PDB file of all heavy atoms in Angstrom:
ATOM      1  N   PHE A   1      -3.730  52.677   3.053  1.00  0.00           N
ATOM      2  CA  PHE A   1      -2.995  53.225   4.237  1.00  0.00           C
ATOM      3  C   PHE A   1      -1.744  52.384   4.519  1.00  0.00           C
ATOM      4  O   PHE A   1      -1.084  52.634   5.520  1.00  0.00           O
ATOM      5  CB  PHE A   1      -3.806  53.173   5.488  1.00  0.00           C
ATOM      6  CG  PHE A   1      -5.225  53.952   5.369  1.00  0.00           C
ATOM      7  CD1 PHE A   1      -6.370  53.211   5.034  1.00  0.00           C
ATOM      8  CD2 PHE A   1      -5.169  55.325   5.525  1.00  0.00           C
ATOM      9  CE1 PHE A   1      -7.588  54.026   4.852  1.00  0.00           C
ATOM     10  CE2 PHE A   1      -6.405  55.983   5.413  1.00  0.00           C
ATOM     11  CZ  PHE A   1      -7.584  55.450   5.020  1.00  0.00           C
ATOM     12  N   ASP A   2      -1.406  51.499   3.611  1.00  0.00           N
ATOM     13  CA  ASP A   2      -0.220  50.695   3.790  1.00  0.00           C
ATOM     14  C   ASP A   2       1.025  51.514   3.993  1.00  0.00           C
ATOM     15  O   ASP A   2       1.302  52.464   3.207  1.00  0.00           O
ATOM     16  CB  ASP A   2       0.030  49.757   2.581  1.00  0.00           C
ATOM     17  CG  ASP A   2      -1.257  49.047   2.095  1.00  0.00           C
ATOM     18  OD1 ASP A   2      -2.035  49.725   1.309  1.00  0.00           O
ATOM     19  OD2 ASP A   2      -1.578  48.041   2.583  1.00  0.00           O
ATOM     20  N   THR A   3       1.843  51.285   5.055  1.00  0.00           N
ATOM     21  CA  THR A   3       3.035  51.997   5.226  1.00  0.00           C
ATOM     22  C   THR A   3       4.041  51.430   4.240  1.00  0.00           C
ATOM     23  O   THR A   3       4.021  50.334   3.729  1.00  0.00           O
ATOM     24  CB  THR A   3       3.612  51.814   6.683  1.00  0.00           C
ATOM     25  OG1 THR A   3       3.920  50.465   6.882  1.00  0.00           O
ATOM     26  CG2 THR A   3       2.579  52.243   7.665  1.00  0.00           C
ATOM     27  N   SER A   4       5.181  52.274   3.992  1.00  0.00           N
ATOM     28  CA  SER A   4       6.226  51.792   3.113  1.00  0.00           C
ATOM     29  C   SER A   4       6.929  50.544   3.724  1.00  0.00           C
ATOM     30  O   SER A   4       7.315  49.706   3.010  1.00  0.00           O
ATOM     31  CB  SER A   4       7.169  52.939   2.840  1.00  0.00           C
ATOM     32  OG  SER A   4       7.745  53.464   4.044  1.00  0.00           O
ATOM     33  N   GLU A   5       6.985  50.479   5.067  1.00  0.00           N
ATOM     34  CA  GLU A   5       7.612  49.378   5.730  1.00  0.00           C
ATOM     35  C   GLU A   5       6.808  48.145   5.495  1.00  0.00           C
ATOM     36  O   GLU A   5       7.355  47.020   5.144  1.00  0.00           O
ATOM     37  CB  GLU A   5       7.739  49.597   7.223  1.00  0.00           C
ATOM     38  CG  GLU A   5       8.685  50.677   7.623  1.00  0.00           C
ATOM     39  CD  GLU A   5       8.175  52.080   7.481  1.00  0.00           C
ATOM     40  OE1 GLU A   5       6.911  52.324   7.336  1.00  0.00           O
ATOM     41  OE2 GLU A   5       8.909  53.024   7.507  1.00  0.00           O
ATOM     42  N   ALA A   6       5.502  48.254   5.536  1.00  0.00           N
ATOM     43  CA  ALA A   6       4.586  47.093   5.361  1.00  0.00           C
ATOM     44  C   ALA A   6       4.700  46.546   3.900  1.00  0.00           C
ATOM     45  O   ALA A   6       4.784  45.342   3.666  1.00  0.00           O
ATOM     46  CB  ALA A   6       3.155  47.402   5.608  1.00  0.00           C
ATOM     47  N   LEU A   7       4.737  47.512   2.914  1.00  0.00           N
ATOM     48  CA  LEU A   7       4.893  47.053   1.516  1.00  0.00           C
ATOM     49  C   LEU A   7       6.185  46.459   1.226  1.00  0.00           C
ATOM     50  O   LEU A   7       6.246  45.496   0.441  1.00  0.00           O
ATOM     51  CB  LEU A   7       4.672  48.290   0.657  1.00  0.00           C
ATOM     52  CG  LEU A   7       3.222  48.936   0.561  1.00  0.00           C
ATOM     53  CD1 LEU A   7       3.121  50.176  -0.191  1.00  0.00           C
ATOM     54  CD2 LEU A   7       2.215  47.845   0.064  1.00  0.00           C
ATOM     55  N   ASP A   8       7.260  46.990   1.883  1.00  0.00           N
ATOM     56  CA  ASP A   8       8.604  46.435   1.681  1.00  0.00           C
ATOM     57  C   ASP A   8       8.626  44.985   2.211  1.00  0.00           C
ATOM     58  O   ASP A   8       9.195  44.087   1.660  1.00  0.00           O
ATOM     59  CB  ASP A   8       9.679  47.246   2.471  1.00  0.00           C
ATOM     60  CG  ASP A   8       9.987  48.579   1.733  1.00  0.00           C
ATOM     61  OD1 ASP A   8       9.651  48.656   0.484  1.00  0.00           O
ATOM     62  OD2 ASP A   8      10.576  49.438   2.275  1.00  0.00           O
ATOM     63  N   ALA A   9       7.921  44.729   3.351  1.00  0.00           N
ATOM     64  CA  ALA A   9       7.921  43.384   3.908  1.00  0.00           C
ATOM     65  C   ALA A   9       7.182  42.447   2.992  1.00  0.00           C
ATOM     66  O   ALA A   9       7.580  41.304   2.782  1.00  0.00           O
ATOM     67  CB  ALA A   9       7.162  43.480   5.280  1.00  0.00           C
ATOM     68  N   HIS A  10       6.066  42.930   2.353  1.00  0.00           N
ATOM     69  CA  HIS A  10       5.339  42.022   1.400  1.00  0.00           C
ATOM     70  C   HIS A  10       6.208  41.771   0.157  1.00  0.00           C
ATOM     71  O   HIS A  10       6.242  40.627  -0.274  1.00  0.00           O
ATOM     72  CB  HIS A  10       4.016  42.819   0.936  1.00  0.00           C
ATOM     73  CG  HIS A  10       3.013  42.721   1.834  1.00  0.00           C
ATOM     74  ND1 HIS A  10       2.350  41.575   2.301  1.00  0.00           N
ATOM     75  CD2 HIS A  10       2.325  43.781   2.546  1.00  0.00           C
ATOM     76  CE1 HIS A  10       1.380  41.906   3.119  1.00  0.00           C
ATOM     77  NE2 HIS A  10       1.332  43.253   3.311  1.00  0.00           N
ATOM     78  N   ARG A  11       6.917  42.694  -0.261  1.00  0.00           N
ATOM     79  CA  ARG A  11       7.850  42.586  -1.472  1.00  0.00           C
ATOM     80  C   ARG A  11       8.925  41.441  -1.097  1.00  0.00           C
ATOM     81  O   ARG A  11       9.245  40.575  -1.955  1.00  0.00           O
ATOM     82  CB  ARG A  11       8.540  43.814  -1.835  1.00  0.00           C
ATOM     83  CG  ARG A  11       7.612  44.805  -2.573  1.00  0.00           C
ATOM     84  CD  ARG A  11       8.366  45.967  -3.207  1.00  0.00           C
ATOM     85  NE  ARG A  11       7.406  47.046  -3.597  1.00  0.00           N
ATOM     86  CZ  ARG A  11       7.067  48.077  -2.899  1.00  0.00           C
ATOM     87  NH1 ARG A  11       7.654  48.245  -1.750  1.00  0.00           N
ATOM     88  NH2 ARG A  11       6.172  48.912  -3.334  1.00  0.00           N
ATOM     89  N   LYS A  12       9.528  41.620   0.063  1.00  0.00           N
ATOM     90  CA  LYS A  12      10.534  40.763   0.522  1.00  0.00           C
ATOM     91  C   LYS A  12       9.997  39.230   0.619  1.00  0.00           C
ATOM     92  O   LYS A  12      10.683  38.327   0.168  1.00  0.00           O
ATOM     93  CB  LYS A  12      11.173  41.195   1.881  1.00  0.00           C
ATOM     94  CG  LYS A  12      12.426  40.539   2.215  1.00  0.00           C
ATOM     95  CD  LYS A  12      13.024  41.140   3.489  1.00  0.00           C
ATOM     96  CE  LYS A  12      14.331  40.439   3.842  1.00  0.00           C
ATOM     97  NZ  LYS A  12      14.873  40.883   5.039  1.00  0.00           N
ATOM     98  N   GLN A  13       8.783  39.158   1.191  1.00  0.00           N
ATOM     99  CA  GLN A  13       8.236  37.869   1.353  1.00  0.00           C
ATOM    100  C   GLN A  13       7.942  37.211  -0.026  1.00  0.00           C
ATOM    101  O   GLN A  13       8.264  36.057  -0.281  1.00  0.00           O
ATOM    102  CB  GLN A  13       6.910  37.944   2.106  1.00  0.00           C
ATOM    103  CG  GLN A  13       6.274  36.642   2.434  1.00  0.00           C
ATOM    104  CD  GLN A  13       4.822  36.794   3.054  1.00  0.00           C
ATOM    105  OE1 GLN A  13       4.596  37.791   3.535  1.00  0.00           O
ATOM    106  NE2 GLN A  13       3.983  35.707   2.842  1.00  0.00           N
ATOM    107  N   HIS A  14       7.471  37.988  -0.962  1.00  0.00           N
ATOM    108  CA  HIS A  14       7.225  37.452  -2.347  1.00  0.00           C
ATOM    109  C   HIS A  14       8.594  37.107  -2.976  1.00  0.00           C
ATOM    110  O   HIS A  14       8.565  36.000  -3.649  1.00  0.00           O
ATOM    111  CB  HIS A  14       6.528  38.538  -3.187  1.00  0.00           C
ATOM    112  CG  HIS A  14       5.071  38.535  -3.001  1.00  0.00           C
ATOM    113  ND1 HIS A  14       4.475  39.019  -1.874  1.00  0.00           N
ATOM    114  CD2 HIS A  14       4.047  38.252  -3.846  1.00  0.00           C
ATOM    115  CE1 HIS A  14       3.106  38.869  -2.007  1.00  0.00           C
ATOM    116  NE2 HIS A  14       2.892  38.464  -3.245  1.00  0.00           N
ATOM    117  N   GLU A  15       9.583  37.874  -2.826  1.00  0.00           N
ATOM    118  CA  GLU A  15      10.950  37.531  -3.412  1.00  0.00           C
ATOM    119  C   GLU A  15      11.424  36.165  -2.893  1.00  0.00           C
ATOM    120  O   GLU A  15      11.881  35.363  -3.642  1.00  0.00           O
ATOM    121  CB  GLU A  15      11.925  38.615  -3.127  1.00  0.00           C
ATOM    122  CG  GLU A  15      11.808  39.797  -3.983  1.00  0.00           C
ATOM    123  CD  GLU A  15      12.771  40.949  -3.573  1.00  0.00           C
ATOM    124  OE1 GLU A  15      13.698  40.737  -2.838  1.00  0.00           O
ATOM    125  OE2 GLU A  15      12.457  42.172  -3.972  1.00  0.00           O
ATOM    126  N   GLU A  16      11.209  35.950  -1.552  1.00  0.00           N
ATOM    127  CA  GLU A  16      11.627  34.736  -0.944  1.00  0.00           C
ATOM    128  C   GLU A  16      10.971  33.547  -1.533  1.00  0.00           C
ATOM    129  O   GLU A  16      11.548  32.404  -1.616  1.00  0.00           O
ATOM    130  CB  GLU A  16      11.469  34.792   0.553  1.00  0.00           C
ATOM    131  CG  GLU A  16      12.483  35.677   1.249  1.00  0.00           C
ATOM    132  CD  GLU A  16      12.202  36.046   2.709  1.00  0.00           C
ATOM    133  OE1 GLU A  16      11.138  35.518   3.212  1.00  0.00           O
ATOM    134  OE2 GLU A  16      12.922  36.745   3.356  1.00  0.00           O
ATOM    135  N   GLU A  17       9.659  33.769  -1.963  1.00  0.00           N
ATOM    136  CA  GLU A  17       8.814  32.648  -2.504  1.00  0.00           C
ATOM    137  C   GLU A  17       8.986  32.588  -4.050  1.00  0.00           C
ATOM    138  O   GLU A  17       8.350  31.899  -4.721  1.00  0.00           O
ATOM    139  CB  GLU A  17       7.408  32.940  -2.164  1.00  0.00           C
ATOM    140  CG  GLU A  17       7.108  32.806  -0.637  1.00  0.00           C
ATOM    141  CD  GLU A  17       5.686  33.291  -0.307  1.00  0.00           C
ATOM    142  OE1 GLU A  17       4.919  33.533  -1.223  1.00  0.00           O
ATOM    143  OE2 GLU A  17       5.447  33.306   0.872  1.00  0.00           O
ATOM    144  N   GLY A  18       9.957  33.509  -4.587  1.00  0.00           N
ATOM    145  CA  GLY A  18      10.112  33.524  -6.078  1.00  0.00           C
ATOM    146  C   GLY A  18       9.034  34.079  -6.820  1.00  0.00           C
ATOM    147  O   GLY A  18       8.798  33.851  -8.045  1.00  0.00           O
ATOM    148  N   LYS A  19       8.355  35.041  -6.147  1.00  0.00           N
ATOM    149  CA  LYS A  19       7.196  35.758  -6.901  1.00  0.00           C
ATOM    150  C   LYS A  19       7.461  37.280  -6.879  1.00  0.00           C
ATOM    151  O   LYS A  19       8.401  37.712  -6.171  1.00  0.00           O
ATOM    152  CB  LYS A  19       5.884  35.587  -6.086  1.00  0.00           C
ATOM    153  CG  LYS A  19       5.497  34.109  -6.021  1.00  0.00           C
ATOM    154  CD  LYS A  19       4.216  34.047  -5.079  1.00  0.00           C
ATOM    155  CE  LYS A  19       3.845  32.582  -4.714  1.00  0.00           C
ATOM    156  NZ  LYS A  19       2.808  32.578  -3.811  1.00  0.00           N
ATOM    157  N   THR A  20       6.728  38.012  -7.690  1.00  0.00           N
ATOM    158  CA  THR A  20       6.821  39.491  -7.723  1.00  0.00           C
ATOM    159  C   THR A  20       5.563  40.063  -7.109  1.00  0.00           C
ATOM    160  O   THR A  20       4.432  39.599  -7.467  1.00  0.00           O
ATOM    161  CB  THR A  20       6.926  39.951  -9.191  1.00  0.00           C
ATOM    162  OG1 THR A  20       7.962  39.317  -9.802  1.00  0.00           O
ATOM    163  CG2 THR A  20       7.098  41.432  -9.278  1.00  0.00           C
ATOM    164  N   PHE A  21       5.820  41.011  -6.122  1.00  0.00           N
ATOM    165  CA  PHE A  21       4.670  41.612  -5.510  1.00  0.00           C
ATOM    166  C   PHE A  21       3.956  42.679  -6.388  1.00  0.00           C
ATOM    167  O   PHE A  21       4.611  43.566  -6.816  1.00  0.00           O
ATOM    168  CB  PHE A  21       5.141  42.238  -4.202  1.00  0.00           C
ATOM    169  CG  PHE A  21       4.028  43.038  -3.490  1.00  0.00           C
ATOM    170  CD1 PHE A  21       2.993  42.344  -2.818  1.00  0.00           C
ATOM    171  CD2 PHE A  21       4.011  44.428  -3.476  1.00  0.00           C
ATOM    172  CE1 PHE A  21       1.973  43.010  -2.185  1.00  0.00           C
ATOM    173  CE2 PHE A  21       3.019  45.112  -2.822  1.00  0.00           C
ATOM    174  CZ  PHE A  21       2.065  44.474  -2.206  1.00  0.00           C
ATOM    175  N   ILE A  22       2.738  42.472  -6.664  1.00  0.00           N
ATOM    176  CA  ILE A  22       1.957  43.468  -7.397  1.00  0.00           C
ATOM    177  C   ILE A  22       0.721  43.823  -6.610  1.00  0.00           C
ATOM    178  O   ILE A  22       0.034  42.904  -6.182  1.00  0.00           O
ATOM    179  CB  ILE A  22       1.513  42.978  -8.742  1.00  0.00           C
ATOM    180  CG1 ILE A  22       2.718  42.517  -9.603  1.00  0.00           C
ATOM    181  CG2 ILE A  22       0.697  43.977  -9.528  1.00  0.00           C
ATOM    182  CD1 ILE A  22       2.256  41.914 -10.926  1.00  0.00           C
ATOM    183  N   TYR A  23       0.469  45.116  -6.371  1.00  0.00           N
ATOM    184  CA  TYR A  23      -0.656  45.535  -5.563  1.00  0.00           C
ATOM    185  C   TYR A  23      -1.825  45.621  -6.557  1.00  0.00           C
ATOM    186  O   TYR A  23      -1.972  46.608  -7.316  1.00  0.00           O
ATOM    187  CB  TYR A  23      -0.395  46.938  -4.990  1.00  0.00           C
ATOM    188  CG  TYR A  23      -1.178  47.361  -3.769  1.00  0.00           C
ATOM    189  CD1 TYR A  23      -0.636  47.750  -2.620  1.00  0.00           C
ATOM    190  CD2 TYR A  23      -2.567  47.259  -3.832  1.00  0.00           C
ATOM    191  CE1 TYR A  23      -1.328  48.194  -1.498  1.00  0.00           C
ATOM    192  CE2 TYR A  23      -3.348  47.694  -2.712  1.00  0.00           C
ATOM    193  CZ  TYR A  23      -2.743  48.079  -1.539  1.00  0.00           C
ATOM    194  OH  TYR A  23      -3.428  48.508  -0.482  1.00  0.00           O
ATOM    195  N   ASN A  24      -2.701  44.620  -6.532  1.00  0.00           N
ATOM    196  CA  ASN A  24      -3.865  44.689  -7.442  1.00  0.00           C
ATOM    197  C   ASN A  24      -4.977  43.726  -6.944  1.00  0.00           C
ATOM    198  O   ASN A  24      -4.996  43.318  -5.794  1.00  0.00           O
ATOM    199  CB  ASN A  24      -3.526  44.379  -8.902  1.00  0.00           C
ATOM    200  CG  ASN A  24      -2.960  42.972  -9.255  1.00  0.00           C
ATOM    201  OD1 ASN A  24      -2.907  42.203  -8.294  1.00  0.00           O
ATOM    202  ND2 ASN A  24      -2.555  42.777 -10.413  1.00  0.00           N
ATOM    203  N   TRP A  25      -5.781  43.260  -7.897  1.00  0.00           N
ATOM    204  CA  TRP A  25      -7.065  42.492  -7.529  1.00  0.00           C
ATOM    205  C   TRP A  25      -6.770  41.238  -6.723  1.00  0.00           C
ATOM    206  O   TRP A  25      -7.607  40.810  -5.872  1.00  0.00           O
ATOM    207  CB  TRP A  25      -7.758  42.100  -8.890  1.00  0.00           C
ATOM    208  CG  TRP A  25      -6.828  41.187  -9.736  1.00  0.00           C
ATOM    209  CD1 TRP A  25      -5.955  41.621 -10.657  1.00  0.00           C
ATOM    210  CD2 TRP A  25      -6.768  39.781  -9.717  1.00  0.00           C
ATOM    211  NE1 TRP A  25      -5.309  40.528 -11.198  1.00  0.00           N
ATOM    212  CE2 TRP A  25      -5.740  39.397 -10.698  1.00  0.00           C
ATOM    213  CE3 TRP A  25      -7.444  38.846  -9.005  1.00  0.00           C
ATOM    214  CZ2 TRP A  25      -5.453  38.127 -10.875  1.00  0.00           C
ATOM    215  CZ3 TRP A  25      -7.090  37.435  -9.230  1.00  0.00           C
ATOM    216  CH2 TRP A  25      -6.098  37.112 -10.155  1.00  0.00           C
ATOM    217  N   HIS A  26      -5.647  40.573  -6.900  1.00  0.00           N
ATOM    218  CA  HIS A  26      -5.341  39.351  -6.295  1.00  0.00           C
ATOM    219  C   HIS A  26      -5.018  39.461  -4.832  1.00  0.00           C
ATOM    220  O   HIS A  26      -5.064  38.500  -3.999  1.00  0.00           O
ATOM    221  CB  HIS A  26      -4.378  38.451  -7.055  1.00  0.00           C
ATOM    222  CG  HIS A  26      -2.929  38.812  -6.706  1.00  0.00           C
ATOM    223  ND1 HIS A  26      -2.223  39.848  -7.248  1.00  0.00           N
ATOM    224  CD2 HIS A  26      -2.020  38.192  -5.883  1.00  0.00           C
ATOM    225  CE1 HIS A  26      -1.013  39.899  -6.733  1.00  0.00           C
ATOM    226  NE2 HIS A  26      -0.879  38.840  -5.886  1.00  0.00           N
ATOM    227  N   ASN A  27      -4.608  40.675  -4.345  1.00  0.00           N
ATOM    228  CA  ASN A  27      -4.303  40.771  -2.948  1.00  0.00           C
ATOM    229  C   ASN A  27      -4.828  42.079  -2.205  1.00  0.00           C
ATOM    230  O   ASN A  27      -4.648  42.214  -1.026  1.00  0.00           O
ATOM    231  CB  ASN A  27      -2.752  40.734  -2.646  1.00  0.00           C
ATOM    232  CG  ASN A  27      -2.063  41.932  -3.411  1.00  0.00           C
ATOM    233  OD1 ASN A  27      -2.680  42.821  -4.015  1.00  0.00           O
ATOM    234  ND2 ASN A  27      -0.722  41.907  -3.583  1.00  0.00           N
ATOM    235  N   ARG A  28      -5.524  42.937  -2.938  1.00  0.00           N
ATOM    236  CA  ARG A  28      -5.879  44.200  -2.350  1.00  0.00           C
ATOM    237  C   ARG A  28      -6.855  44.044  -1.171  1.00  0.00           C
ATOM    238  O   ARG A  28      -6.942  44.816  -0.305  1.00  0.00           O
ATOM    239  CB  ARG A  28      -6.433  45.180  -3.381  1.00  0.00           C
ATOM    240  CG  ARG A  28      -7.585  44.693  -4.228  1.00  0.00           C
ATOM    241  CD  ARG A  28      -7.851  45.617  -5.422  1.00  0.00           C
ATOM    242  NE  ARG A  28      -8.850  45.129  -6.363  1.00  0.00           N
ATOM    243  CZ  ARG A  28      -8.874  45.453  -7.690  1.00  0.00           C
ATOM    244  NH1 ARG A  28      -7.907  46.200  -8.172  1.00  0.00           N
ATOM    245  NH2 ARG A  28      -9.771  44.913  -8.403  1.00  0.00           N
ATOM    246  N   LEU A  29      -7.680  42.947  -1.212  1.00  0.00           N
ATOM    247  CA  LEU A  29      -8.682  42.755  -0.123  1.00  0.00           C
ATOM    248  C   LEU A  29      -7.970  42.215   1.150  1.00  0.00           C
ATOM    249  O   LEU A  29      -8.549  42.226   2.313  1.00  0.00           O
ATOM    250  CB  LEU A  29      -9.763  41.757  -0.385  1.00  0.00           C
ATOM    251  CG  LEU A  29     -10.696  42.237  -1.612  1.00  0.00           C
ATOM    252  CD1 LEU A  29     -11.732  41.259  -1.911  1.00  0.00           C
ATOM    253  CD2 LEU A  29     -11.412  43.553  -1.167  1.00  0.00           C
ATOM    254  N   LYS A  30      -6.597  41.950   1.071  1.00  0.00           N
ATOM    255  CA  LYS A  30      -5.897  41.379   2.214  1.00  0.00           C
ATOM    256  C   LYS A  30      -4.911  42.583   2.769  1.00  0.00           C
ATOM    257  O   LYS A  30      -4.207  42.288   3.789  1.00  0.00           O
ATOM    258  CB  LYS A  30      -5.023  40.270   1.801  1.00  0.00           C
ATOM    259  CG  LYS A  30      -5.745  39.067   1.264  1.00  0.00           C
ATOM    260  CD  LYS A  30      -4.712  38.044   0.798  1.00  0.00           C
ATOM    261  CE  LYS A  30      -5.309  36.984  -0.123  1.00  0.00           C
ATOM    262  NZ  LYS A  30      -4.335  36.183  -0.757  1.00  0.00           N
ATOM    263  N   LEU A  31      -5.007  43.713   2.073  1.00  0.00           N
ATOM    264  CA  LEU A  31      -4.043  44.746   2.553  1.00  0.00           C
ATOM    265  C   LEU A  31      -4.795  45.964   3.250  1.00  0.00           C
ATOM    266  O   LEU A  31      -6.043  45.878   3.412  1.00  0.00           O
ATOM    267  CB  LEU A  31      -3.321  45.264   1.299  1.00  0.00           C
ATOM    268  CG  LEU A  31      -2.475  44.278   0.679  1.00  0.00           C
ATOM    269  CD1 LEU A  31      -2.039  44.715  -0.773  1.00  0.00           C
ATOM    270  CD2 LEU A  31      -1.193  43.998   1.406  1.00  0.00           C
ATOM    271  N   ASP A  32      -4.059  46.934   3.736  1.00  0.00           N
ATOM    272  CA  ASP A  32      -4.615  48.043   4.469  1.00  0.00           C
ATOM    273  C   ASP A  32      -5.191  49.088   3.644  1.00  0.00           C
ATOM    274  O   ASP A  32      -4.626  50.139   3.500  1.00  0.00           O
ATOM    275  CB  ASP A  32      -3.406  48.529   5.416  1.00  0.00           C
ATOM    276  CG  ASP A  32      -3.968  49.342   6.574  1.00  0.00           C
ATOM    277  OD1 ASP A  32      -5.191  49.375   6.799  1.00  0.00           O
ATOM    278  OD2 ASP A  32      -3.193  49.944   7.246  1.00  0.00           O
ATOM    279  N   ASN A  33      -6.472  48.903   3.178  1.00  0.00           N
ATOM    280  CA  ASN A  33      -7.101  49.837   2.353  1.00  0.00           C
ATOM    281  C   ASN A  33      -8.620  49.922   2.536  1.00  0.00           C
ATOM    282  O   ASN A  33      -9.142  49.042   3.255  1.00  0.00           O
ATOM    283  CB  ASN A  33      -6.698  49.600   0.895  1.00  0.00           C
ATOM    284  CG  ASN A  33      -7.062  48.220   0.443  1.00  0.00           C
ATOM    285  OD1 ASN A  33      -8.284  47.856   0.480  1.00  0.00           O
ATOM    286  ND2 ASN A  33      -6.127  47.407  -0.019  1.00  0.00           N
ATOM    287  N   SER A  34      -9.254  50.884   1.963  1.00  0.00           N
ATOM    288  CA  SER A  34     -10.703  50.990   2.095  1.00  0.00           C
ATOM    289  C   SER A  34     -11.543  49.955   1.541  1.00  0.00           C
ATOM    290  O   SER A  34     -12.748  49.842   1.792  1.00  0.00           O
ATOM    291  CB  SER A  34     -11.098  52.450   1.598  1.00  0.00           C
ATOM    292  OG  SER A  34     -10.841  52.535   0.216  1.00  0.00           O
ATOM    293  N   LEU A  35     -10.980  49.118   0.642  1.00  0.00           N
ATOM    294  CA  LEU A  35     -11.674  47.997   0.143  1.00  0.00           C
ATOM    295  C   LEU A  35     -11.822  46.866   1.113  1.00  0.00           C
ATOM    296  O   LEU A  35     -12.766  46.162   1.175  1.00  0.00           O
ATOM    297  CB  LEU A  35     -11.023  47.430  -1.234  1.00  0.00           C
ATOM    298  CG  LEU A  35     -10.888  48.378  -2.315  1.00  0.00           C
ATOM    299  CD1 LEU A  35     -10.144  47.781  -3.462  1.00  0.00           C
ATOM    300  CD2 LEU A  35     -12.303  48.853  -2.800  1.00  0.00           C
ATOM    301  N   ALA A  36     -10.774  46.706   1.969  1.00  0.00           N
ATOM    302  CA  ALA A  36     -10.721  45.704   3.024  1.00  0.00           C
ATOM    303  C   ALA A  36     -11.254  46.112   4.402  1.00  0.00           C
ATOM    304  O   ALA A  36     -11.552  45.291   5.261  1.00  0.00           O
ATOM    305  CB  ALA A  36      -9.283  45.285   3.170  1.00  0.00           C
TER     306      ALA A  36
END
């Protein structure tokens, strides 16, 4: 259910930390979805 705004914010935060945002096993339990 993540909004595009929320995903953009995650991407921006990762960029600031020098990382690439990938929606997968390492963060999906922290995001707005039926697994979490």
